[in-house]
Amino acid sequence: MLIAITVILMTATPALAAAGERLAKYISTRETAVAPPAGGGAAVVPPGDTRDRVLLSGWGPVARNLGAYLRANGIPVTVTTLHPDLAAEAEAEGHTVVRGEAIKASVLHEVGMASVRLIVIGENSGEETTHIAEVLHNVAPGVPIVARPRESTDVAGLHHAEVARIVDTQRAVTEPLSWAVLDLLGIDHVTVGKPDPTVAVAFAPAPESHCPHTGAVRPVLPKNAGCTGCLKQGKHEWVHLRICLSCGYVGCCDSSPERHAGAHSAETDHPIAGSAEPGETWAWCFLDGIRIGPAAERSRTL
């Protein structure tokens, strides 16, 4: 009898341990889901609570570096990946790993979306990134998403999925390098009040504008935080900035000495540019010389 009891206990222990772990995760997720935020603003997170968790969809060089940075700052990370070797690597880095695709209901249930504060999609192609963003936005509409497609950024699709920040791969390499150089030179590079190259600009023209060229308007990412033409010339002063609503080119207005916004329109036949000035929500058609107001329910812009 003693031998039989010992064998039964040895056989049952792994199953009981696994069941206990799943139960602990379930209870933690339930408590997180029902805990109301305090004060109407950012949630007051008690010690041990995981509502500040960041979900990394995919694991690779970018996610690895970001995960290390988040971990160094005390922010817990959950990684979803299908690749067994990458999953083992992420676990070795100390992250929570859920094996599977982030668009699967079973995977998201195991992640515990009520514990996720921010989502990062950084290791997928352009089409995959848009699809994942759409799914995760529908599952967790209040959670901000940061997208970094490997190539072919679908600005319109990501904007439709209400992605909070879009990191273009080429700019992601040059901008930190530029900031590091400017820091060492002692030059202030704060871009407050200037176009943010990671935020999609989507202008919805008012139907009563009657401009025949509004079909050229689409969501775009600003190419620079200042006038592209002036910066190429080594100049840093202009009057106002305009954003081409066909390609994202940022140029200075006609009141500026160089008038790069108008020159860009004449060179490319891109007709409409939106104002990049804080608080201004109108656009200008260079072909017709008319000002276009926004639609009553305006899409997200700067």
C-alpha atoms as a PDB file:
ATOM      1  CA  MET A   1       0.000   0.000   0.000  1.00  0.00           C
ATOM      2  CA  LEU A   2       2.832   2.412   0.866  1.00  0.00           C
ATOM      3  CA  ILE A   3       4.532   1.730  -2.468  1.00  0.00           C
ATOM      4  CA  ALA A   4       1.231   2.232  -4.305  1.00  0.00           C
ATOM      5  CA  ILE A   5       0.560   5.576  -2.581  1.00  0.00           C
ATOM      6  CA  THR A   6       4.110   6.744  -3.358  1.00  0.00           C
ATOM      7  CA  VAL A   7       3.732   5.869  -7.047  1.00  0.00           C
ATOM      8  CA  ILE A   8       0.357   7.666  -7.258  1.00  0.00           C
ATOM      9  CA  LEU A   9       1.777  10.815  -5.647  1.00  0.00           C
ATOM     10  CA  MET A  10       4.809  10.824  -7.965  1.00  0.00           C
ATOM     11  CA  THR A  11       2.521  10.466 -10.982  1.00  0.00           C
ATOM     12  CA  ALA A  12       0.040  13.136  -9.897  1.00  0.00           C
ATOM     13  CA  THR A  13       2.494  15.813  -8.706  1.00  0.00           C
ATOM     14  CA  PRO A  14       3.338  17.324 -12.162  1.00  0.00           C
ATOM     15  CA  ALA A  15      -0.342  17.500 -13.137  1.00  0.00           C
ATOM     16  CA  LEU A  16      -1.284  19.121  -9.826  1.00  0.00           C
ATOM     17  CA  ALA A  17       1.545  21.646 -10.146  1.00  0.00           C
ATOM     18  CA  ALA A  18       0.447  22.585 -13.668  1.00  0.00           C
ATOM     19  CA  ALA A  19      -3.171  22.912 -12.542  1.00  0.00           C
ATOM     20  CA  GLY A  20      -2.085  25.129  -9.657  1.00  0.00           C
ATOM     21  CA  GLU A  21      -0.122  27.395 -11.993  1.00  0.00           C
ATOM     22  CA  ARG A  22      -3.092  27.753 -14.348  1.00  0.00           C
ATOM     23  CA  LEU A  23      -5.389  28.503 -11.425  1.00  0.00           C
ATOM     24  CA  ALA A  24      -3.018  31.189 -10.139  1.00  0.00           C
ATOM     25  CA  LYS A  25      -2.909  32.829 -13.577  1.00  0.00           C
ATOM     26  CA  TYR A  26      -6.714  32.707 -13.814  1.00  0.00           C
ATOM     27  CA  ILE A  27      -7.188  34.314 -10.402  1.00  0.00           C
ATOM     28  CA  SER A  28      -4.626  37.013 -11.202  1.00  0.00           C
ATOM     29  CA  THR A  29      -6.335  37.817 -14.498  1.00  0.00           C
ATOM     30  CA  ARG A  30      -9.778  37.926 -12.870  1.00  0.00           C
ATOM     31  CA  GLU A  31      -8.604  40.289 -10.151  1.00  0.00           C
ATOM     32  CA  THR A  32      -6.966  42.544 -12.742  1.00  0.00           C
ATOM     33  CA  ALA A  33     -10.084  42.573 -14.923  1.00  0.00           C
ATOM     34  CA  VAL A  34     -12.459  43.602 -12.138  1.00  0.00           C
ATOM     35  CA  ALA A  35     -10.179  46.100 -10.376  1.00  0.00           C
ATOM     36  CA  PRO A  36     -11.473  49.599 -11.304  1.00  0.00           C
ATOM     37  CA  PRO A  37      -9.045  52.414 -12.104  1.00  0.00           C
ATOM     38  CA  ALA A  38      -8.812  55.120  -9.454  1.00  0.00           C
ATOM     39  CA  GLY A  39      -9.323  58.825  -9.956  1.00  0.00           C
ATOM     40  CA  GLY A  40     -10.566  58.648 -13.556  1.00  0.00           C
ATOM     41  CA  GLY A  41      -7.030  58.939 -14.993  1.00  0.00           C
ATOM     42  CA  ALA A  42      -4.170  56.490 -15.079  1.00  0.00           C
ATOM     43  CA  ALA A  43      -4.881  53.400 -13.035  1.00  0.00           C
ATOM     44  CA  VAL A  44      -3.335  53.241  -9.589  1.00  0.00           C
ATOM     45  CA  VAL A  45      -1.525  49.908  -9.752  1.00  0.00           C
ATOM     46  CA  PRO A  46      -1.066  48.161  -6.394  1.00  0.00           C
ATOM     47  CA  PRO A  47       2.186  46.256  -5.739  1.00  0.00           C
ATOM     48  CA  GLY A  48       2.294  42.974  -7.641  1.00  0.00           C
ATOM     49  CA  ASP A  49      -0.471  43.952 -10.057  1.00  0.00           C
ATOM     50  CA  THR A  50       0.346  43.328 -13.738  1.00  0.00           C
ATOM     51  CA  ARG A  51      -1.726  45.986 -15.455  1.00  0.00           C
ATOM     52  CA  ASP A  52       1.439  47.719 -16.630  1.00  0.00           C
ATOM     53  CA  ARG A  53       2.459  44.721 -18.735  1.00  0.00           C
ATOM     54  CA  VAL A  54       3.652  45.241 -22.328  1.00  0.00           C
ATOM     55  CA  LEU A  55       2.677  42.657 -24.946  1.00  0.00           C
ATOM     56  CA  LEU A  56       5.332  42.037 -27.615  1.00  0.00           C
ATOM     57  CA  SER A  57       3.859  40.310 -30.651  1.00  0.00           C
ATOM     58  CA  GLY A  58       6.742  38.314 -32.083  1.00  0.00           C
ATOM     59  CA  TRP A  59      10.327  37.851 -30.965  1.00  0.00           C
ATOM     60  CA  GLY A  60      13.416  38.931 -32.879  1.00  0.00           C
ATOM     61  CA  PRO A  61      16.233  41.500 -32.746  1.00  0.00           C
ATOM     62  CA  VAL A  62      13.945  44.505 -32.270  1.00  0.00           C
ATOM     63  CA  ALA A  63      11.729  42.831 -29.659  1.00  0.00           C
ATOM     64  CA  ARG A  64      14.813  41.475 -27.882  1.00  0.00           C
ATOM     65  CA  ASN A  65      16.360  44.941 -27.476  1.00  0.00           C
ATOM     66  CA  LEU A  66      13.063  46.545 -26.531  1.00  0.00           C
ATOM     67  CA  GLY A  67      12.338  43.770 -24.042  1.00  0.00           C
ATOM     68  CA  ALA A  68      15.723  44.277 -22.377  1.00  0.00           C
ATOM     69  CA  TYR A  69      15.064  48.014 -22.126  1.00  0.00           C
ATOM     70  CA  LEU A  70      11.610  47.485 -20.610  1.00  0.00           C
ATOM     71  CA  ARG A  71      12.900  44.884 -18.175  1.00  0.00           C
ATOM     72  CA  ALA A  72      15.701  47.227 -17.069  1.00  0.00           C
ATOM     73  CA  ASN A  73      13.005  49.799 -16.285  1.00  0.00           C
ATOM     74  CA  GLY A  74      10.947  47.383 -14.215  1.00  0.00           C
ATOM     75  CA  ILE A  75       8.174  46.880 -16.802  1.00  0.00           C
ATOM     76  CA  PRO A  76       6.928  43.269 -17.144  1.00  0.00           C
ATOM     77  CA  VAL A  77       6.761  41.852 -20.657  1.00  0.00           C
ATOM     78  CA  THR A  78       4.714  39.079 -22.264  1.00  0.00           C
ATOM     79  CA  VAL A  79       5.926  37.703 -25.607  1.00  0.00           C
ATOM     80  CA  THR A  80       3.854  35.761 -28.137  1.00  0.00           C
ATOM     81  CA  THR A  81       5.684  33.682 -30.746  1.00  0.00           C
ATOM     82  CA  LEU A  82       5.178  30.445 -32.660  1.00  0.00           C
ATOM     83  CA  HIS A  83       8.875  29.643 -32.980  1.00  0.00           C
ATOM     84  CA  PRO A  84       9.990  27.213 -30.238  1.00  0.00           C
ATOM     85  CA  ASP A  85      13.626  28.365 -30.240  1.00  0.00           C
ATOM     86  CA  LEU A  86      12.645  32.032 -30.055  1.00  0.00           C
ATOM     87  CA  ALA A  87      10.178  31.245 -27.276  1.00  0.00           C
ATOM     88  CA  ALA A  88      12.941  29.548 -25.295  1.00  0.00           C
ATOM     89  CA  GLU A  89      15.222  32.525 -25.886  1.00  0.00           C
ATOM     90  CA  ALA A  90      12.593  35.013 -24.671  1.00  0.00           C
ATOM     91  CA  GLU A  91      12.003  32.887 -21.579  1.00  0.00           C
ATOM     92  CA  ALA A  92      15.754  32.810 -20.923  1.00  0.00           C
ATOM     93  CA  GLU A  93      15.673  36.631 -20.975  1.00  0.00           C
ATOM     94  CA  GLY A  94      13.178  36.487 -18.103  1.00  0.00           C
ATOM     95  CA  HIS A  95       9.998  37.313 -20.019  1.00  0.00           C
ATOM     96  CA  THR A  96       6.619  35.589 -19.834  1.00  0.00           C
ATOM     97  CA  VAL A  97       6.068  33.683 -23.084  1.00  0.00           C
ATOM     98  CA  VAL A  98       2.830  32.454 -24.634  1.00  0.00           C
ATOM     99  CA  ARG A  99       3.432  30.139 -27.577  1.00  0.00           C
ATOM    100  CA  GLY A 100       1.189  30.916 -30.522  1.00  0.00           C
ATOM    101  CA  GLU A 101      -0.010  33.735 -32.785  1.00  0.00           C
ATOM    102  CA  ALA A 102      -1.269  36.911 -31.141  1.00  0.00           C
ATOM    103  CA  ILE A 103      -4.406  36.843 -33.320  1.00  0.00           C
ATOM    104  CA  LYS A 104      -5.642  33.552 -31.843  1.00  0.00           C
ATOM    105  CA  ALA A 105      -8.342  33.744 -29.161  1.00  0.00           C
ATOM    106  CA  SER A 106      -6.743  30.963 -27.105  1.00  0.00           C
ATOM    107  CA  VAL A 107      -3.402  32.785 -27.085  1.00  0.00           C
ATOM    108  CA  LEU A 108      -4.954  36.099 -26.061  1.00  0.00           C
ATOM    109  CA  HIS A 109      -6.890  34.341 -23.307  1.00  0.00           C
ATOM    110  CA  GLU A 110      -3.647  32.910 -21.945  1.00  0.00           C
ATOM    111  CA  VAL A 111      -1.945  36.314 -22.243  1.00  0.00           C
ATOM    112  CA  GLY A 112      -4.709  37.895 -20.169  1.00  0.00           C
ATOM    113  CA  MET A 113      -5.441  41.049 -22.158  1.00  0.00           C
ATOM    114  CA  ALA A 114      -6.856  42.738 -19.042  1.00  0.00           C
ATOM    115  CA  SER A 115      -3.265  42.911 -17.797  1.00  0.00           C
ATOM    116  CA  VAL A 116      -1.865  44.551 -20.935  1.00  0.00           C
ATOM    117  CA  ARG A 117      -1.172  48.274 -20.926  1.00  0.00           C
ATOM    118  CA  LEU A 118       0.595  48.579 -24.292  1.00  0.00           C
ATOM    119  CA  ILE A 119       0.998  46.412 -27.406  1.00  0.00           C
ATOM    120  CA  VAL A 120       4.074  46.408 -29.653  1.00  0.00           C
ATOM    121  CA  ILE A 121       4.088  44.706 -33.069  1.00  0.00           C
ATOM    122  CA  GLY A 122       7.702  44.835 -34.181  1.00  0.00           C
ATOM    123  CA  GLU A 123       8.761  41.674 -36.003  1.00  0.00           C
ATOM    124  CA  ASN A 124       6.239  41.247 -38.829  1.00  0.00           C
ATOM    125  CA  SER A 125       5.867  42.219 -42.479  1.00  0.00           C
ATOM    126  CA  GLY A 126       3.715  45.183 -43.424  1.00  0.00           C
ATOM    127  CA  GLU A 127       0.628  43.114 -44.256  1.00  0.00           C
ATOM    128  CA  GLU A 128       0.993  40.948 -41.150  1.00  0.00           C
ATOM    129  CA  THR A 129       1.458  43.995 -38.930  1.00  0.00           C
ATOM    130  CA  THR A 130      -1.751  45.584 -40.199  1.00  0.00           C
ATOM    131  CA  HIS A 131      -3.727  42.348 -39.721  1.00  0.00           C
ATOM    132  CA  ILE A 132      -2.438  41.822 -36.171  1.00  0.00           C
ATOM    133  CA  ALA A 133      -3.133  45.467 -35.292  1.00  0.00           C
ATOM    134  CA  GLU A 134      -6.720  45.204 -36.548  1.00  0.00           C
ATOM    135  CA  VAL A 135      -7.374  42.049 -34.518  1.00  0.00           C
ATOM    136  CA  LEU A 136      -5.794  43.352 -31.316  1.00  0.00           C
ATOM    137  CA  HIS A 137      -7.566  46.708 -31.620  1.00  0.00           C
ATOM    138  CA  ASN A 138     -10.910  44.900 -31.829  1.00  0.00           C
ATOM    139  CA  VAL A 139     -10.015  42.693 -28.860  1.00  0.00           C
ATOM    140  CA  ALA A 140      -8.637  45.512 -26.693  1.00  0.00           C
ATOM    141  CA  PRO A 141      -9.839  48.841 -28.166  1.00  0.00           C
ATOM    142  CA  GLY A 142      -8.544  50.925 -25.279  1.00  0.00           C
ATOM    143  CA  VAL A 143      -4.963  49.616 -25.371  1.00  0.00           C
ATOM    144  CA  PRO A 144      -2.448  51.718 -27.385  1.00  0.00           C
ATOM    145  CA  ILE A 145      -0.578  49.917 -30.161  1.00  0.00           C
ATOM    146  CA  VAL A 146       2.913  50.678 -31.465  1.00  0.00           C
ATOM    147  CA  ALA A 147       3.671  49.174 -34.885  1.00  0.00           C
ATOM    148  CA  ARG A 148       7.066  48.754 -36.554  1.00  0.00           C
ATOM    149  CA  PRO A 149       6.611  46.839 -39.830  1.00  0.00           C
ATOM    150  CA  ARG A 150       9.764  45.300 -41.279  1.00  0.00           C
ATOM    151  CA  GLU A 151       8.923  46.808 -44.660  1.00  0.00           C
ATOM    152  CA  SER A 152       6.117  48.301 -46.797  1.00  0.00           C
ATOM    153  CA  THR A 153       4.386  50.295 -44.081  1.00  0.00           C
ATOM    154  CA  ASP A 154       0.602  50.351 -44.628  1.00  0.00           C
ATOM    155  CA  VAL A 155      -0.085  53.779 -43.134  1.00  0.00           C
ATOM    156  CA  ALA A 156      -3.775  53.803 -44.109  1.00  0.00           C
ATOM    157  CA  GLY A 157      -4.414  50.333 -42.697  1.00  0.00           C
ATOM    158  CA  LEU A 158      -2.564  51.038 -39.453  1.00  0.00           C
ATOM    159  CA  HIS A 159      -4.382  54.338 -39.079  1.00  0.00           C
ATOM    160  CA  HIS A 160      -7.708  52.543 -39.579  1.00  0.00           C
ATOM    161  CA  ALA A 161      -6.686  50.166 -36.769  1.00  0.00           C
ATOM    162  CA  GLU A 162      -6.060  53.268 -34.624  1.00  0.00           C
ATOM    163  CA  VAL A 163      -2.391  52.445 -34.101  1.00  0.00           C
ATOM    164  CA  ALA A 164      -0.986  55.089 -31.751  1.00  0.00           C
ATOM    165  CA  ARG A 165       2.565  55.160 -33.147  1.00  0.00           C
ATOM    166  CA  ILE A 166       3.980  53.912 -36.455  1.00  0.00           C
ATOM    167  CA  VAL A 167       7.737  53.472 -36.555  1.00  0.00           C
ATOM    168  CA  ASP A 168       9.116  53.446 -40.090  1.00  0.00           C
ATOM    169  CA  THR A 169      12.026  50.996 -40.325  1.00  0.00           C
ATOM    170  CA  GLN A 170      14.441  53.327 -42.141  1.00  0.00           C
ATOM    171  CA  ARG A 171      13.740  56.261 -39.834  1.00  0.00           C
ATOM    172  CA  ALA A 172      14.052  54.003 -36.808  1.00  0.00           C
ATOM    173  CA  VAL A 173      17.733  53.623 -37.679  1.00  0.00           C
ATOM    174  CA  THR A 174      18.599  57.239 -38.469  1.00  0.00           C
ATOM    175  CA  GLU A 175      16.615  59.159 -35.845  1.00  0.00           C
ATOM    176  CA  PRO A 176      18.241  57.702 -32.683  1.00  0.00           C
ATOM    177  CA  LEU A 177      21.629  58.210 -34.338  1.00  0.00           C
ATOM    178  CA  SER A 178      20.710  61.830 -35.090  1.00  0.00           C
ATOM    179  CA  TRP A 179      19.526  62.405 -31.529  1.00  0.00           C
ATOM    180  CA  ALA A 180      22.740  60.939 -30.112  1.00  0.00           C
ATOM    181  CA  VAL A 181      24.855  63.201 -32.336  1.00  0.00           C
ATOM    182  CA  LEU A 182      22.799  66.302 -31.498  1.00  0.00           C
ATOM    183  CA  ASP A 183      22.974  65.473 -27.786  1.00  0.00           C
ATOM    184  CA  LEU A 184      26.759  65.302 -27.940  1.00  0.00           C
ATOM    185  CA  LEU A 185      26.827  68.585 -29.858  1.00  0.00           C
ATOM    186  CA  GLY A 186      24.653  70.194 -27.190  1.00  0.00           C
ATOM    187  CA  ILE A 187      21.871  71.008 -29.672  1.00  0.00           C
ATOM    188  CA  ASP A 188      18.265  70.904 -28.459  1.00  0.00           C
ATOM    189  CA  HIS A 189      16.234  68.601 -30.715  1.00  0.00           C
ATOM    190  CA  VAL A 190      12.908  68.674 -28.848  1.00  0.00           C
ATOM    191  CA  THR A 191      10.071  68.554 -31.399  1.00  0.00           C
ATOM    192  CA  VAL A 192       7.212  69.945 -29.300  1.00  0.00           C
ATOM    193  CA  GLY A 193       4.742  71.660 -31.636  1.00  0.00           C
ATOM    194  CA  LYS A 194       6.341  70.062 -34.719  1.00  0.00           C
ATOM    195  CA  PRO A 195       5.124  67.128 -36.830  1.00  0.00           C
ATOM    196  CA  ASP A 196       5.730  63.760 -35.184  1.00  0.00           C
ATOM    197  CA  PRO A 197       7.074  61.287 -37.791  1.00  0.00           C
ATOM    198  CA  THR A 198       5.531  58.356 -35.865  1.00  0.00           C
ATOM    199  CA  VAL A 199       1.934  59.647 -35.825  1.00  0.00           C
ATOM    200  CA  ALA A 200      -0.230  59.218 -38.926  1.00  0.00           C
ATOM    201  CA  VAL A 201      -1.936  62.360 -40.192  1.00  0.00           C
ATOM    202  CA  ALA A 202      -5.390  61.743 -41.639  1.00  0.00           C
ATOM    203  CA  PHE A 203      -7.362  64.728 -42.909  1.00  0.00           C
ATOM    204  CA  ALA A 204     -11.082  64.284 -43.618  1.00  0.00           C
ATOM    205  CA  PRO A 205     -12.145  67.117 -45.990  1.00  0.00           C
ATOM    206  CA  ALA A 206     -15.511  68.774 -45.414  1.00  0.00           C
ATOM    207  CA  PRO A 207     -18.010  67.607 -48.076  1.00  0.00           C
ATOM    208  CA  GLU A 208     -19.072  71.197 -48.761  1.00  0.00           C
ATOM    209  CA  SER A 209     -15.540  72.189 -49.830  1.00  0.00           C
ATOM    210  CA  HIS A 210     -16.311  71.130 -53.436  1.00  0.00           C
ATOM    211  CA  CYS A 211     -12.583  70.718 -54.130  1.00  0.00           C
ATOM    212  CA  PRO A 212     -12.177  68.214 -57.020  1.00  0.00           C
ATOM    213  CA  HIS A 213      -8.749  67.102 -55.770  1.00  0.00           C
ATOM    214  CA  THR A 214      -9.653  65.673 -52.353  1.00  0.00           C
ATOM    215  CA  GLY A 215      -9.381  62.158 -53.796  1.00  0.00           C
ATOM    216  CA  ALA A 216      -5.601  62.537 -53.497  1.00  0.00           C
ATOM    217  CA  VAL A 217      -5.852  62.855 -49.700  1.00  0.00           C
ATOM    218  CA  ARG A 218      -4.758  59.779 -47.726  1.00  0.00           C
ATOM    219  CA  PRO A 219      -3.272  59.020 -44.279  1.00  0.00           C
ATOM    220  CA  VAL A 220       0.449  59.845 -44.290  1.00  0.00           C
ATOM    221  CA  LEU A 221       3.450  59.857 -41.975  1.00  0.00           C
ATOM    222  CA  PRO A 222       5.288  63.209 -41.827  1.00  0.00           C
ATOM    223  CA  LYS A 223       8.750  62.797 -43.355  1.00  0.00           C
ATOM    224  CA  ASN A 224      10.395  65.239 -40.953  1.00  0.00           C
ATOM    225  CA  ALA A 225       9.755  67.255 -37.812  1.00  0.00           C
ATOM    226  CA  GLY A 226      10.620  70.384 -39.819  1.00  0.00           C
ATOM    227  CA  CYS A 227      10.672  71.655 -43.412  1.00  0.00           C
ATOM    228  CA  THR A 228      12.339  68.965 -45.518  1.00  0.00           C
ATOM    229  CA  GLY A 229      13.699  71.412 -48.091  1.00  0.00           C
ATOM    230  CA  CYS A 230      15.049  73.905 -45.558  1.00  0.00           C
ATOM    231  CA  LEU A 231      16.717  71.167 -43.520  1.00  0.00           C
ATOM    232  CA  LYS A 232      18.463  69.897 -46.662  1.00  0.00           C
ATOM    233  CA  GLN A 233      19.825  73.415 -47.168  1.00  0.00           C
ATOM    234  CA  GLY A 234      21.004  73.577 -43.579  1.00  0.00           C
ATOM    235  CA  LYS A 235      18.328  76.117 -42.627  1.00  0.00           C
ATOM    236  CA  HIS A 236      16.220  75.842 -39.477  1.00  0.00           C
ATOM    237  CA  GLU A 237      13.904  78.847 -39.705  1.00  0.00           C
ATOM    238  CA  TRP A 238      10.543  79.087 -41.461  1.00  0.00           C
ATOM    239  CA  VAL A 239       7.154  80.708 -40.824  1.00  0.00           C
ATOM    240  CA  HIS A 240       4.666  77.812 -40.898  1.00  0.00           C
ATOM    241  CA  LEU A 241       4.775  74.144 -41.851  1.00  0.00           C
ATOM    242  CA  ARG A 242       2.493  72.226 -44.193  1.00  0.00           C
ATOM    243  CA  ILE A 243       2.219  68.426 -44.678  1.00  0.00           C
ATOM    244  CA  CYS A 244       1.562  66.985 -48.124  1.00  0.00           C
ATOM    245  CA  LEU A 245      -1.531  64.811 -47.734  1.00  0.00           C
ATOM    246  CA  SER A 246      -0.447  62.544 -50.582  1.00  0.00           C
ATOM    247  CA  CYS A 247       3.078  61.568 -49.446  1.00  0.00           C
ATOM    248  CA  GLY A 248       3.859  63.186 -46.068  1.00  0.00           C
ATOM    249  CA  TYR A 249       6.418  65.720 -47.327  1.00  0.00           C
ATOM    250  CA  VAL A 250       6.788  68.533 -44.795  1.00  0.00           C
ATOM    251  CA  GLY A 251       7.397  71.962 -46.340  1.00  0.00           C
ATOM    252  CA  CYS A 252       7.360  75.604 -45.311  1.00  0.00           C
ATOM    253  CA  CYS A 253       4.374  77.758 -46.288  1.00  0.00           C
ATOM    254  CA  ASP A 254       4.161  80.546 -48.890  1.00  0.00           C
ATOM    255  CA  SER A 255       4.887  83.097 -46.161  1.00  0.00           C
ATOM    256  CA  SER A 256       8.314  81.525 -45.701  1.00  0.00           C
ATOM    257  CA  PRO A 257      11.238  82.669 -47.883  1.00  0.00           C
ATOM    258  CA  GLU A 258      11.732  79.268 -49.570  1.00  0.00           C
ATOM    259  CA  ARG A 259       8.054  78.252 -50.006  1.00  0.00           C
ATOM    260  CA  HIS A 260       8.949  74.561 -50.146  1.00  0.00           C
ATOM    261  CA  ALA A 261       5.375  73.276 -49.657  1.00  0.00           C
ATOM    262  CA  GLY A 262       4.187  74.973 -52.830  1.00  0.00           C
ATOM    263  CA  ALA A 263       7.320  73.959 -54.723  1.00  0.00           C
ATOM    264  CA  HIS A 264       6.779  70.332 -53.740  1.00  0.00           C
ATOM    265  CA  SER A 265       3.176  70.467 -54.982  1.00  0.00           C
ATOM    266  CA  ALA A 266       4.251  71.940 -58.325  1.00  0.00           C
ATOM    267  CA  GLU A 267       6.994  69.339 -58.738  1.00  0.00           C
ATOM    268  CA  THR A 268       4.939  66.261 -57.814  1.00  0.00           C
ATOM    269  CA  ASP A 269       1.381  67.300 -58.730  1.00  0.00           C
ATOM    270  CA  HIS A 270       0.316  66.496 -55.160  1.00  0.00           C
ATOM    271  CA  PRO A 271      -2.462  69.053 -54.781  1.00  0.00           C
ATOM    272  CA  ILE A 272      -3.316  69.328 -51.070  1.00  0.00           C
ATOM    273  CA  ALA A 273      -1.279  70.023 -47.936  1.00  0.00           C
ATOM    274  CA  GLY A 274      -2.563  70.205 -44.382  1.00  0.00           C
ATOM    275  CA  SER A 275      -1.491  72.739 -41.800  1.00  0.00           C
ATOM    276  CA  ALA A 276       1.063  71.331 -39.354  1.00  0.00           C
ATOM    277  CA  GLU A 277       0.599  74.165 -36.885  1.00  0.00           C
ATOM    278  CA  PRO A 278      -0.739  73.190 -33.430  1.00  0.00           C
ATOM    279  CA  GLY A 279      -4.509  73.647 -33.183  1.00  0.00           C
ATOM    280  CA  GLU A 280      -5.040  74.200 -36.941  1.00  0.00           C
ATOM    281  CA  THR A 281      -7.267  71.673 -38.714  1.00  0.00           C
ATOM    282  CA  TRP A 282      -7.482  72.920 -42.280  1.00  0.00           C
ATOM    283  CA  ALA A 283      -5.821  72.090 -45.596  1.00  0.00           C
ATOM    284  CA  TRP A 284      -4.874  74.057 -48.702  1.00  0.00           C
ATOM    285  CA  CYS A 285      -5.327  73.070 -52.343  1.00  0.00           C
ATOM    286  CA  PHE A 286      -2.442  74.539 -54.342  1.00  0.00           C
ATOM    287  CA  LEU A 287      -4.121  73.807 -57.668  1.00  0.00           C
ATOM    288  CA  ASP A 288      -7.331  75.684 -56.875  1.00  0.00           C
ATOM    289  CA  GLY A 289      -5.879  78.147 -54.374  1.00  0.00           C
ATOM    290  CA  ILE A 290      -8.630  77.418 -51.842  1.00  0.00           C
ATOM    291  CA  ARG A 291      -8.732  76.558 -48.172  1.00  0.00           C
ATOM    292  CA  ILE A 292     -10.450  73.291 -47.213  1.00  0.00           C
ATOM    293  CA  GLY A 293     -12.080  72.828 -43.835  1.00  0.00           C
ATOM    294  CA  PRO A 294     -12.308  69.527 -41.963  1.00  0.00           C
ATOM    295  CA  ALA A 295     -15.334  67.268 -41.873  1.00  0.00           C
ATOM    296  CA  ALA A 296     -17.533  67.544 -38.777  1.00  0.00           C
ATOM    297  CA  GLU A 297     -16.255  64.206 -37.428  1.00  0.00           C
ATOM    298  CA  ARG A 298     -12.565  64.555 -38.052  1.00  0.00           C
ATOM    299  CA  SER A 299     -10.107  61.671 -38.189  1.00  0.00           C
ATOM    300  CA  ARG A 300      -7.080  61.608 -35.886  1.00  0.00           C
ATOM    301  CA  THR A 301      -4.378  64.120 -36.824  1.00  0.00           C
ATOM    302  CA  LEU A 302      -1.453  65.822 -35.156  1.00  0.00           C
END
